[in-house]
Amino acid sequence: MNDVKDKTRAMDRRPSEVPHHPKVLTVGAIVAAAALFFMAAWFWQVMTSPGVVLTEENAQQAADGADDRLQSDLDREAEAAQPQDEEPGSKGGPPPAPDESDPVADEIELTGYSILSVNGILQVGGTVTNTSSAPLTGTVKVYVYTDAVLVATAKTEVKDLQPGASEEVNLVSDSDWEAGEKVILLDFQPEQAPKSGG
């Protein structure tokens, strides 16, 4: 009798349904593995994707946008693309940027200058002085650099500027004003004397 009671008590203590922990862990592992697989597949696609493929319409819009650039931007890019080992002032590219502003050229000097934004366009105002022994007629040009990169070329004309004489000038560029610390380089291109006939 005691044996039967003991067995009954043991049966009562045993739950009717035993939790199946191994199955829960297996399902969780499968879900986690699937999530990792999809994340890895997404990452691989992002890393190996060639980017946005331009349709013909998008390509045409991109080409149209390039035409909207200012002529000054195109000129500046052409000047910057020229080799930097050319002589300063030679036909082609601009001279290399100086370490600090150089407002003195061979025959002319720019003093009291300021770099201005006039209606969003870069201009350089100041006083030019003829430091040569002959009257000067020609183009006064200022190259403006920011971080050693040419950002504008401003120029004006002087006519019959006598030796030692000074003249207030405003050199106008066709480039938009850009923020940043600037240095300038002065250049003077004399007017070519007309060739005499015969």
N, C-alpha and C. Protein backbone atom coordinates (compact mmCIF):
# COMPACT_ATOMS: atom_id res chain seq x y z
N MET A 1 0.84 -1.20 0.00
CA MET A 1 0.00 0.00 0.00
C MET A 1 0.86 1.23 0.00
N ASN A 2 1.91 1.19 0.81
CA ASN A 2 2.77 2.36 0.86
C ASN A 2 3.42 2.61 -0.48
N ASP A 3 3.75 1.52 -1.18
CA ASP A 3 4.38 1.69 -2.49
C ASP A 3 3.45 2.39 -3.45
N VAL A 4 2.16 2.07 -3.46
CA VAL A 4 1.20 2.70 -4.38
C VAL A 4 1.04 4.16 -4.06
N LYS A 5 0.96 4.51 -2.76
CA LYS A 5 0.81 5.91 -2.38
C LYS A 5 2.01 6.71 -2.83
N ASP A 6 3.20 6.15 -2.66
CA ASP A 6 4.41 6.88 -3.05
C ASP A 6 4.42 7.13 -4.55
N LYS A 7 4.00 6.13 -5.31
CA LYS A 7 3.98 6.32 -6.78
C LYS A 7 2.96 7.36 -7.17
N THR A 8 1.81 7.40 -6.49
CA THR A 8 0.77 8.38 -6.82
C THR A 8 1.26 9.78 -6.53
N ARG A 9 1.93 9.92 -5.37
CA ARG A 9 2.44 11.25 -5.04
C ARG A 9 3.49 11.72 -6.05
N ALA A 10 4.31 10.79 -6.48
CA ALA A 10 5.32 11.15 -7.48
C ALA A 10 4.67 11.57 -8.78
N MET A 11 3.59 10.90 -9.17
CA MET A 11 2.87 11.25 -10.40
C MET A 11 2.20 12.61 -10.26
N ASP A 12 1.69 12.92 -9.08
CA ASP A 12 1.05 14.22 -8.86
C ASP A 12 2.06 15.36 -8.96
N ARG A 13 3.26 15.10 -8.50
CA ARG A 13 4.27 16.18 -8.54
C ARG A 13 4.76 16.45 -9.96
N ARG A 14 4.69 15.50 -10.81
CA ARG A 14 5.20 15.67 -12.18
C ARG A 14 4.22 16.49 -12.99
N PRO A 15 4.64 17.59 -13.64
CA PRO A 15 3.71 18.40 -14.45
C PRO A 15 3.20 17.60 -15.62
N SER A 16 1.99 17.98 -16.03
CA SER A 16 1.38 17.25 -17.13
C SER A 16 2.07 17.55 -18.46
N GLU A 17 2.70 18.74 -18.57
CA GLU A 17 3.35 19.09 -19.84
C GLU A 17 4.74 19.62 -19.53
N VAL A 18 5.74 18.97 -20.02
CA VAL A 18 7.12 19.37 -19.75
C VAL A 18 7.54 20.43 -20.78
N PRO A 19 8.09 21.57 -20.31
CA PRO A 19 8.54 22.59 -21.29
C PRO A 19 9.63 22.03 -22.17
N HIS A 20 9.56 22.39 -23.43
CA HIS A 20 10.54 21.90 -24.41
C HIS A 20 11.52 23.01 -24.73
N HIS A 21 12.45 23.28 -23.87
CA HIS A 21 13.41 24.38 -24.05
C HIS A 21 14.28 24.21 -25.29
N PRO A 22 14.72 23.02 -25.60
CA PRO A 22 15.56 22.90 -26.81
C PRO A 22 14.85 23.40 -28.08
N LYS A 23 13.54 23.20 -28.20
CA LYS A 23 12.82 23.66 -29.38
C LYS A 23 12.81 25.19 -29.44
N VAL A 24 12.59 25.84 -28.28
CA VAL A 24 12.57 27.31 -28.24
C VAL A 24 13.93 27.88 -28.67
N LEU A 25 15.00 27.29 -28.17
CA LEU A 25 16.34 27.75 -28.54
C LEU A 25 16.61 27.55 -30.03
N THR A 26 16.14 26.43 -30.56
CA THR A 26 16.35 26.16 -31.98
C THR A 26 15.64 27.18 -32.85
N VAL A 27 14.38 27.48 -32.51
CA VAL A 27 13.61 28.47 -33.28
C VAL A 27 14.29 29.83 -33.20
N GLY A 28 14.73 30.23 -31.99
CA GLY A 28 15.42 31.52 -31.83
C GLY A 28 16.69 31.59 -32.66
N ALA A 29 17.43 30.49 -32.67
CA ALA A 29 18.66 30.46 -33.45
C ALA A 29 18.38 30.59 -34.94
N ILE A 30 17.31 29.96 -35.41
CA ILE A 30 16.94 30.05 -36.83
C ILE A 30 16.56 31.48 -37.19
N VAL A 31 15.76 32.13 -36.33
CA VAL A 31 15.34 33.52 -36.60
C VAL A 31 16.56 34.43 -36.62
N ALA A 32 17.46 34.28 -35.65
CA ALA A 32 18.66 35.12 -35.60
C ALA A 32 19.54 34.89 -36.83
N ALA A 33 19.69 33.64 -37.24
CA ALA A 33 20.51 33.34 -38.41
C ALA A 33 19.91 33.96 -39.67
N ALA A 34 18.56 33.90 -39.79
CA ALA A 34 17.91 34.49 -40.96
C ALA A 34 18.11 36.01 -40.97
N ALA A 35 17.99 36.63 -39.80
CA ALA A 35 18.18 38.09 -39.72
C ALA A 35 19.61 38.46 -40.12
N LEU A 36 20.58 37.72 -39.61
CA LEU A 36 21.97 37.99 -39.97
C LEU A 36 22.20 37.80 -41.46
N PHE A 37 21.59 36.77 -42.03
CA PHE A 37 21.75 36.52 -43.46
C PHE A 37 21.23 37.70 -44.28
N PHE A 38 20.01 38.17 -43.92
CA PHE A 38 19.43 39.29 -44.69
C PHE A 38 20.24 40.58 -44.50
N MET A 39 20.75 40.81 -43.29
CA MET A 39 21.58 42.00 -43.07
C MET A 39 22.87 41.91 -43.89
N ALA A 40 23.48 40.73 -43.92
CA ALA A 40 24.71 40.55 -44.69
C ALA A 40 24.44 40.73 -46.18
N ALA A 41 23.31 40.20 -46.66
CA ALA A 41 22.96 40.35 -48.08
C ALA A 41 22.74 41.82 -48.42
N TRP A 42 22.05 42.56 -47.54
CA TRP A 42 21.81 43.99 -47.78
C TRP A 42 23.13 44.76 -47.80
N PHE A 43 24.01 44.48 -46.84
CA PHE A 43 25.30 45.16 -46.77
C PHE A 43 26.12 44.88 -48.03
N TRP A 44 26.11 43.63 -48.46
CA TRP A 44 26.86 43.26 -49.67
C TRP A 44 26.33 44.01 -50.89
N GLN A 45 25.00 44.12 -50.98
CA GLN A 45 24.41 44.83 -52.12
C GLN A 45 24.80 46.30 -52.11
N VAL A 46 24.77 46.92 -50.92
CA VAL A 46 25.13 48.34 -50.82
C VAL A 46 26.59 48.55 -51.21
N MET A 47 27.47 47.68 -50.73
CA MET A 47 28.90 47.85 -50.98
C MET A 47 29.29 47.58 -52.43
N THR A 48 28.57 46.69 -53.10
CA THR A 48 28.95 46.33 -54.48
C THR A 48 28.08 47.01 -55.52
N SER A 49 27.11 47.80 -55.09
CA SER A 49 26.21 48.45 -56.04
C SER A 49 26.96 49.52 -56.82
N PRO A 50 26.74 49.64 -58.13
CA PRO A 50 27.42 50.68 -58.92
C PRO A 50 26.83 52.06 -58.68
N GLY A 51 25.79 52.20 -57.90
CA GLY A 51 25.17 53.50 -57.68
C GLY A 51 23.93 53.66 -58.53
N VAL A 52 23.48 54.90 -58.60
CA VAL A 52 22.26 55.18 -59.35
C VAL A 52 22.56 55.10 -60.84
N VAL A 53 21.80 54.31 -61.53
CA VAL A 53 21.96 54.20 -62.97
C VAL A 53 21.16 55.32 -63.62
N LEU A 54 21.85 56.13 -64.41
CA LEU A 54 21.18 57.27 -65.04
C LEU A 54 20.33 56.79 -66.21
N THR A 55 19.10 57.16 -66.18
CA THR A 55 18.27 56.92 -67.35
C THR A 55 18.62 57.99 -68.38
N GLU A 56 18.12 57.83 -69.57
CA GLU A 56 18.41 58.80 -70.62
C GLU A 56 17.92 60.19 -70.21
N GLU A 57 16.76 60.23 -69.56
CA GLU A 57 16.21 61.52 -69.14
C GLU A 57 17.08 62.15 -68.06
N ASN A 58 17.51 61.34 -67.07
CA ASN A 58 18.38 61.87 -66.02
C ASN A 58 19.71 62.35 -66.57
N ALA A 59 20.25 61.59 -67.52
CA ALA A 59 21.52 61.99 -68.13
C ALA A 59 21.37 63.32 -68.87
N GLN A 60 20.23 63.49 -69.54
CA GLN A 60 20.00 64.75 -70.25
C GLN A 60 19.88 65.91 -69.27
N GLN A 61 19.19 65.68 -68.12
CA GLN A 61 19.08 66.73 -67.11
C GLN A 61 20.43 67.09 -66.54
N ALA A 62 21.28 66.08 -66.33
CA ALA A 62 22.62 66.37 -65.81
C ALA A 62 23.42 67.19 -66.81
N ALA A 63 23.28 66.86 -68.10
CA ALA A 63 23.98 67.63 -69.13
C ALA A 63 23.46 69.05 -69.20
N ASP A 64 22.13 69.22 -69.08
CA ASP A 64 21.57 70.57 -69.08
C ASP A 64 22.08 71.37 -67.90
N GLY A 65 22.23 70.73 -66.74
CA GLY A 65 22.72 71.43 -65.56
C GLY A 65 24.14 71.93 -65.75
N ALA A 66 24.94 71.16 -66.50
CA ALA A 66 26.31 71.59 -66.76
C ALA A 66 26.34 72.85 -67.60
N ASP A 67 25.36 73.02 -68.50
CA ASP A 67 25.32 74.21 -69.34
C ASP A 67 24.96 75.45 -68.56
N ASP A 68 24.35 75.26 -67.38
CA ASP A 68 23.93 76.41 -66.58
C ASP A 68 25.08 77.07 -65.83
N ARG A 69 26.25 76.45 -65.83
CA ARG A 69 27.36 77.03 -65.11
C ARG A 69 27.77 78.36 -65.75
N LEU A 70 28.23 79.26 -64.93
CA LEU A 70 28.65 80.56 -65.44
C LEU A 70 29.87 80.40 -66.34
N GLN A 71 29.97 81.30 -67.32
CA GLN A 71 31.14 81.28 -68.19
C GLN A 71 32.41 81.51 -67.37
N SER A 72 32.29 82.33 -66.31
CA SER A 72 33.47 82.59 -65.47
C SER A 72 33.96 81.31 -64.81
N ASP A 73 33.03 80.42 -64.41
CA ASP A 73 33.43 79.16 -63.81
C ASP A 73 34.20 78.31 -64.82
N LEU A 74 33.72 78.30 -66.06
CA LEU A 74 34.41 77.53 -67.09
C LEU A 74 35.79 78.11 -67.37
N ASP A 75 35.89 79.46 -67.41
CA ASP A 75 37.19 80.09 -67.63
C ASP A 75 38.15 79.75 -66.50
N ARG A 76 37.63 79.80 -65.27
CA ARG A 76 38.47 79.52 -64.12
C ARG A 76 38.97 78.08 -64.15
N GLU A 77 38.08 77.15 -64.54
CA GLU A 77 38.49 75.75 -64.63
C GLU A 77 39.55 75.56 -65.72
N ALA A 78 39.37 76.27 -66.84
CA ALA A 78 40.36 76.17 -67.92
C ALA A 78 41.71 76.71 -67.48
N GLU A 79 41.68 77.84 -66.75
CA GLU A 79 42.94 78.42 -66.27
C GLU A 79 43.61 77.49 -65.26
N ALA A 80 42.81 76.90 -64.37
CA ALA A 80 43.36 76.03 -63.33
C ALA A 80 43.91 74.74 -63.94
N ALA A 81 43.39 74.34 -65.09
CA ALA A 81 43.83 73.10 -65.72
C ALA A 81 45.17 73.25 -66.44
N GLN A 82 45.60 74.50 -66.65
CA GLN A 82 46.86 74.72 -67.35
C GLN A 82 48.03 74.30 -66.46
N PRO A 83 49.15 73.88 -67.06
CA PRO A 83 50.32 73.52 -66.26
C PRO A 83 50.79 74.70 -65.42
N GLN A 84 51.20 74.42 -64.18
CA GLN A 84 51.60 75.48 -63.27
C GLN A 84 53.05 75.91 -63.46
N ASP A 85 53.80 75.23 -64.34
CA ASP A 85 55.22 75.58 -64.50
C ASP A 85 55.43 76.63 -65.58
N GLU A 86 54.37 77.21 -66.11
CA GLU A 86 54.53 78.25 -67.10
C GLU A 86 55.00 79.53 -66.44
N GLU A 87 55.63 80.39 -67.22
CA GLU A 87 56.06 81.68 -66.70
C GLU A 87 54.86 82.50 -66.31
N PRO A 88 54.94 83.26 -65.18
CA PRO A 88 53.83 84.11 -64.80
C PRO A 88 53.49 85.10 -65.90
N GLY A 89 52.21 85.23 -66.16
CA GLY A 89 51.76 86.18 -67.17
C GLY A 89 51.84 85.65 -68.59
N SER A 90 52.35 84.41 -68.77
CA SER A 90 52.43 83.88 -70.12
C SER A 90 51.04 83.47 -70.57
N LYS A 91 50.90 83.35 -71.87
CA LYS A 91 49.59 82.97 -72.41
C LYS A 91 49.26 81.56 -71.95
N GLY A 92 48.06 81.38 -71.47
CA GLY A 92 47.65 80.07 -70.96
C GLY A 92 47.15 80.19 -69.55
N GLY A 93 47.79 79.45 -68.63
CA GLY A 93 47.30 79.41 -67.26
C GLY A 93 47.75 80.59 -66.43
N PRO A 94 47.14 80.73 -65.25
CA PRO A 94 47.52 81.80 -64.34
C PRO A 94 48.83 81.46 -63.64
N PRO A 95 49.49 82.45 -63.06
CA PRO A 95 50.71 82.15 -62.31
C PRO A 95 50.38 81.42 -61.02
N PRO A 96 51.35 80.74 -60.43
CA PRO A 96 51.10 80.06 -59.16
C PRO A 96 50.74 81.07 -58.07
N ALA A 97 49.97 80.61 -57.10
CA ALA A 97 49.56 81.50 -56.00
C ALA A 97 50.77 81.87 -55.15
N PRO A 98 50.90 83.15 -54.80
CA PRO A 98 51.99 83.55 -53.89
C PRO A 98 51.64 83.17 -52.45
N ASP A 99 52.67 83.12 -51.60
CA ASP A 99 52.44 82.82 -50.19
C ASP A 99 51.71 83.96 -49.49
N GLU A 100 51.98 85.20 -49.94
CA GLU A 100 51.27 86.36 -49.41
C GLU A 100 51.02 87.33 -50.56
N SER A 101 50.13 88.27 -50.35
CA SER A 101 49.74 89.18 -51.43
C SER A 101 50.96 89.89 -52.01
N ASP A 102 50.95 90.00 -53.34
CA ASP A 102 52.04 90.68 -54.05
C ASP A 102 51.42 91.72 -54.97
N PRO A 103 51.20 92.95 -54.44
CA PRO A 103 50.53 93.98 -55.24
C PRO A 103 51.47 94.84 -56.07
N VAL A 104 52.65 94.28 -56.41
CA VAL A 104 53.64 95.04 -57.18
C VAL A 104 53.99 94.25 -58.43
N ALA A 105 53.89 94.92 -59.60
CA ALA A 105 54.32 94.33 -60.86
C ALA A 105 55.54 95.11 -61.36
N ASP A 106 56.04 94.75 -62.54
CA ASP A 106 57.27 95.37 -63.04
C ASP A 106 57.15 96.88 -63.19
N GLU A 107 56.02 97.37 -63.68
CA GLU A 107 55.91 98.79 -63.99
C GLU A 107 54.84 99.52 -63.19
N ILE A 108 54.15 98.78 -62.32
CA ILE A 108 52.99 99.38 -61.66
C ILE A 108 52.82 98.80 -60.26
N GLU A 109 52.18 99.56 -59.37
CA GLU A 109 51.97 99.11 -58.00
C GLU A 109 50.54 99.43 -57.59
N LEU A 110 49.93 98.52 -56.82
CA LEU A 110 48.57 98.71 -56.32
C LEU A 110 48.65 98.91 -54.81
N THR A 111 48.15 100.05 -54.33
CA THR A 111 48.19 100.35 -52.90
C THR A 111 46.78 100.62 -52.39
N GLY A 112 46.64 100.51 -51.06
CA GLY A 112 45.36 100.80 -50.42
C GLY A 112 44.21 99.99 -51.00
N TYR A 113 44.50 98.75 -51.36
CA TYR A 113 43.48 97.96 -52.05
C TYR A 113 42.56 97.26 -51.07
N SER A 114 41.38 96.94 -51.53
CA SER A 114 40.43 96.15 -50.76
C SER A 114 39.70 95.22 -51.72
N ILE A 115 39.41 94.02 -51.22
CA ILE A 115 38.70 93.02 -52.02
C ILE A 115 37.24 93.06 -51.60
N LEU A 116 36.37 93.38 -52.53
CA LEU A 116 34.98 93.67 -52.22
C LEU A 116 34.03 92.70 -52.89
N SER A 117 32.81 92.62 -52.33
CA SER A 117 31.71 91.92 -52.98
C SER A 117 30.70 92.98 -53.38
N VAL A 118 30.53 93.19 -54.68
CA VAL A 118 29.58 94.16 -55.19
C VAL A 118 28.49 93.40 -55.94
N ASN A 119 27.29 93.37 -55.34
CA ASN A 119 26.18 92.59 -55.90
C ASN A 119 26.57 91.13 -56.10
N GLY A 120 27.39 90.61 -55.16
CA GLY A 120 27.79 89.21 -55.21
C GLY A 120 28.95 88.92 -56.14
N ILE A 121 29.48 89.97 -56.81
CA ILE A 121 30.61 89.79 -57.73
C ILE A 121 31.87 90.31 -57.07
N LEU A 122 32.98 89.58 -57.22
CA LEU A 122 34.24 89.99 -56.61
C LEU A 122 34.86 91.14 -57.38
N GLN A 123 35.25 92.19 -56.66
CA GLN A 123 35.94 93.33 -57.24
C GLN A 123 37.10 93.72 -56.33
N VAL A 124 38.09 94.37 -56.92
CA VAL A 124 39.24 94.86 -56.15
C VAL A 124 39.37 96.35 -56.41
N GLY A 125 39.31 97.13 -55.35
CA GLY A 125 39.47 98.58 -55.47
C GLY A 125 40.79 99.01 -54.87
N GLY A 126 41.36 100.10 -55.39
CA GLY A 126 42.62 100.59 -54.85
C GLY A 126 43.20 101.68 -55.72
N THR A 127 44.47 101.96 -55.51
CA THR A 127 45.18 103.02 -56.24
C THR A 127 46.37 102.40 -56.96
N VAL A 128 46.45 102.62 -58.27
CA VAL A 128 47.61 102.15 -59.02
C VAL A 128 48.56 103.32 -59.24
N THR A 129 49.85 103.02 -59.16
CA THR A 129 50.89 104.03 -59.35
C THR A 129 51.86 103.52 -60.40
N ASN A 130 52.21 104.40 -61.35
CA ASN A 130 53.18 104.08 -62.39
C ASN A 130 54.57 104.19 -61.78
N THR A 131 55.26 103.06 -61.63
CA THR A 131 56.61 103.06 -61.04
C THR A 131 57.69 103.01 -62.11
N SER A 132 57.29 103.10 -63.39
CA SER A 132 58.27 103.06 -64.47
C SER A 132 58.66 104.49 -64.86
N SER A 133 59.50 104.59 -65.86
CA SER A 133 59.95 105.91 -66.31
C SER A 133 59.26 106.34 -67.60
N ALA A 134 58.17 105.64 -67.96
CA ALA A 134 57.45 105.97 -69.20
C ALA A 134 55.96 105.92 -68.94
N PRO A 135 55.16 106.64 -69.72
CA PRO A 135 53.71 106.56 -69.57
C PRO A 135 53.23 105.13 -69.83
N LEU A 136 52.19 104.75 -69.11
CA LEU A 136 51.67 103.38 -69.24
C LEU A 136 50.25 103.40 -69.78
N THR A 137 50.01 102.52 -70.75
CA THR A 137 48.66 102.24 -71.24
C THR A 137 48.55 100.73 -71.38
N GLY A 138 47.51 100.17 -70.77
CA GLY A 138 47.35 98.72 -70.86
C GLY A 138 46.36 98.21 -69.84
N THR A 139 46.46 96.92 -69.55
CA THR A 139 45.51 96.24 -68.67
C THR A 139 46.16 95.93 -67.34
N VAL A 140 45.54 96.43 -66.27
CA VAL A 140 45.95 96.07 -64.91
C VAL A 140 45.11 94.87 -64.50
N LYS A 141 45.79 93.80 -64.10
CA LYS A 141 45.07 92.56 -63.77
C LYS A 141 45.49 92.11 -62.38
N VAL A 142 44.51 91.63 -61.62
CA VAL A 142 44.78 91.07 -60.29
C VAL A 142 44.24 89.65 -60.26
N TYR A 143 45.13 88.71 -59.92
CA TYR A 143 44.71 87.33 -59.68
C TYR A 143 44.38 87.20 -58.18
N VAL A 144 43.22 86.63 -57.87
CA VAL A 144 42.80 86.47 -56.48
C VAL A 144 42.74 84.98 -56.16
N TYR A 145 43.43 84.60 -55.07
CA TYR A 145 43.53 83.19 -54.68
C TYR A 145 42.95 82.98 -53.28
N THR A 146 42.33 81.84 -53.08
CA THR A 146 41.92 81.39 -51.75
C THR A 146 42.46 79.98 -51.57
N ASP A 147 43.23 79.78 -50.51
CA ASP A 147 43.87 78.48 -50.25
C ASP A 147 44.65 78.01 -51.47
N ALA A 148 45.40 78.94 -52.07
CA ALA A 148 46.28 78.66 -53.22
C ALA A 148 45.51 78.26 -54.48
N VAL A 149 44.19 78.49 -54.49
CA VAL A 149 43.36 78.19 -55.66
C VAL A 149 42.84 79.49 -56.24
N LEU A 150 42.99 79.68 -57.55
CA LEU A 150 42.50 80.89 -58.20
C LEU A 150 40.98 80.93 -58.13
N VAL A 151 40.44 82.02 -57.54
CA VAL A 151 38.99 82.15 -57.44
C VAL A 151 38.45 83.27 -58.32
N ALA A 152 39.32 84.19 -58.76
CA ALA A 152 38.84 85.28 -59.60
C ALA A 152 40.03 85.97 -60.27
N THR A 153 39.74 86.56 -61.43
CA THR A 153 40.69 87.43 -62.11
C THR A 153 39.96 88.74 -62.38
N ALA A 154 40.45 89.81 -61.76
CA ALA A 154 39.80 91.12 -61.91
C ALA A 154 40.74 92.03 -62.71
N LYS A 155 40.15 92.89 -63.56
CA LYS A 155 41.01 93.74 -64.38
C LYS A 155 40.35 95.07 -64.71
N THR A 156 41.19 95.99 -65.12
CA THR A 156 40.75 97.30 -65.59
C THR A 156 41.81 97.84 -66.54
N GLU A 157 41.48 98.92 -67.21
CA GLU A 157 42.41 99.53 -68.17
C GLU A 157 42.92 100.85 -67.62
N VAL A 158 44.19 101.15 -67.89
CA VAL A 158 44.74 102.48 -67.63
C VAL A 158 45.24 103.03 -68.95
N LYS A 159 45.14 104.34 -69.08
CA LYS A 159 45.55 104.96 -70.34
C LYS A 159 46.43 106.16 -70.04
N ASP A 160 47.64 106.12 -70.61
CA ASP A 160 48.58 107.24 -70.52
C ASP A 160 48.82 107.66 -69.07
N LEU A 161 49.05 106.68 -68.20
CA LEU A 161 49.37 106.96 -66.80
C LEU A 161 50.83 107.37 -66.73
N GLN A 162 51.08 108.62 -66.36
CA GLN A 162 52.42 109.19 -66.40
C GLN A 162 53.32 108.60 -65.31
N PRO A 163 54.64 108.63 -65.50
CA PRO A 163 55.57 108.13 -64.48
C PRO A 163 55.34 108.82 -63.13
N GLY A 164 55.23 108.03 -62.09
CA GLY A 164 55.01 108.56 -60.75
C GLY A 164 53.57 108.94 -60.46
N ALA A 165 52.70 108.95 -61.45
CA ALA A 165 51.30 109.34 -61.26
C ALA A 165 50.51 108.17 -60.70
N SER A 166 49.43 108.52 -59.97
CA SER A 166 48.55 107.51 -59.38
C SER A 166 47.13 107.71 -59.88
N GLU A 167 46.35 106.63 -59.83
CA GLU A 167 44.97 106.69 -60.31
C GLU A 167 44.12 105.70 -59.50
N GLU A 168 42.95 106.16 -59.06
CA GLU A 168 42.02 105.27 -58.38
C GLU A 168 41.41 104.32 -59.40
N VAL A 169 41.38 103.04 -59.07
CA VAL A 169 40.86 102.05 -60.01
C VAL A 169 39.91 101.10 -59.30
N ASN A 170 39.06 100.47 -60.08
CA ASN A 170 38.17 99.42 -59.59
C ASN A 170 38.28 98.26 -60.57
N LEU A 171 38.93 97.20 -60.14
CA LEU A 171 39.14 96.04 -61.00
C LEU A 171 37.97 95.08 -60.81
N VAL A 172 37.28 94.79 -61.89
CA VAL A 172 36.05 94.00 -61.83
C VAL A 172 36.32 92.61 -62.39
N SER A 173 35.84 91.59 -61.66
CA SER A 173 35.95 90.22 -62.16
C SER A 173 34.59 89.79 -62.69
N ASP A 174 34.55 88.59 -63.28
CA ASP A 174 33.27 88.01 -63.69
C ASP A 174 32.97 86.78 -62.84
N SER A 175 33.57 86.75 -61.64
CA SER A 175 33.41 85.59 -60.75
C SER A 175 32.60 85.98 -59.52
N ASP A 176 31.83 85.02 -59.02
CA ASP A 176 31.07 85.24 -57.80
C ASP A 176 32.02 85.36 -56.61
N TRP A 177 31.59 86.17 -55.64
CA TRP A 177 32.34 86.30 -54.39
C TRP A 177 32.33 84.97 -53.66
N GLU A 178 33.49 84.59 -53.13
CA GLU A 178 33.59 83.37 -52.33
C GLU A 178 34.25 83.72 -51.01
N ALA A 179 33.74 83.10 -49.95
CA ALA A 179 34.31 83.36 -48.62
C ALA A 179 35.69 82.74 -48.51
N GLY A 180 36.47 83.26 -47.57
CA GLY A 180 37.80 82.72 -47.34
C GLY A 180 38.86 83.80 -47.40
N GLU A 181 40.00 83.52 -46.76
CA GLU A 181 41.09 84.49 -46.76
C GLU A 181 41.75 84.49 -48.13
N LYS A 182 41.99 85.69 -48.65
CA LYS A 182 42.44 85.83 -50.02
C LYS A 182 43.82 86.49 -50.10
N VAL A 183 44.58 86.09 -51.10
CA VAL A 183 45.81 86.79 -51.45
C VAL A 183 45.70 87.17 -52.91
N ILE A 184 46.41 88.26 -53.28
CA ILE A 184 46.34 88.73 -54.66
C ILE A 184 47.73 88.77 -55.28
N LEU A 185 47.72 88.75 -56.59
CA LEU A 185 48.95 88.89 -57.36
C LEU A 185 48.67 89.87 -58.49
N LEU A 186 49.47 90.96 -58.54
CA LEU A 186 49.26 92.01 -59.54
C LEU A 186 50.02 91.69 -60.82
N ASP A 187 49.40 92.03 -61.93
CA ASP A 187 50.03 91.83 -63.24
C ASP A 187 49.65 93.01 -64.12
N PHE A 188 50.58 93.43 -64.97
CA PHE A 188 50.28 94.51 -65.91
C PHE A 188 50.66 94.07 -67.31
N GLN A 189 49.71 94.24 -68.24
CA GLN A 189 49.96 93.87 -69.64
C GLN A 189 49.87 95.15 -70.48
N PRO A 190 51.03 95.64 -70.92
CA PRO A 190 51.00 96.88 -71.71
C PRO A 190 50.25 96.69 -73.02
N GLU A 191 49.65 97.76 -73.46
CA GLU A 191 48.96 97.73 -74.76
C GLU A 191 50.00 97.57 -75.85
N GLN A 192 49.72 96.68 -76.78
CA GLN A 192 50.66 96.46 -77.87
C GLN A 192 50.61 97.65 -78.83
N ALA A 193 51.78 98.20 -79.14
CA ALA A 193 51.83 99.32 -80.09
C ALA A 193 51.42 98.81 -81.47
N PRO A 194 50.58 99.59 -82.16
CA PRO A 194 50.20 99.15 -83.51
C PRO A 194 51.40 99.11 -84.43
N LYS A 195 51.43 98.08 -85.28
CA LYS A 195 52.56 97.96 -86.20
C LYS A 195 52.42 99.01 -87.30
N SER A 196 53.54 99.63 -87.59
CA SER A 196 53.50 100.66 -88.67
C SER A 196 53.51 99.98 -90.01
N GLY A 197 52.71 100.50 -90.92
CA GLY A 197 52.62 99.89 -92.24
C GLY A 197 53.81 100.23 -93.10
N GLY A 198 54.19 99.31 -94.05
CA GLY A 198 55.22 99.54 -95.04
C GLY A 198 56.54 99.19 -94.51
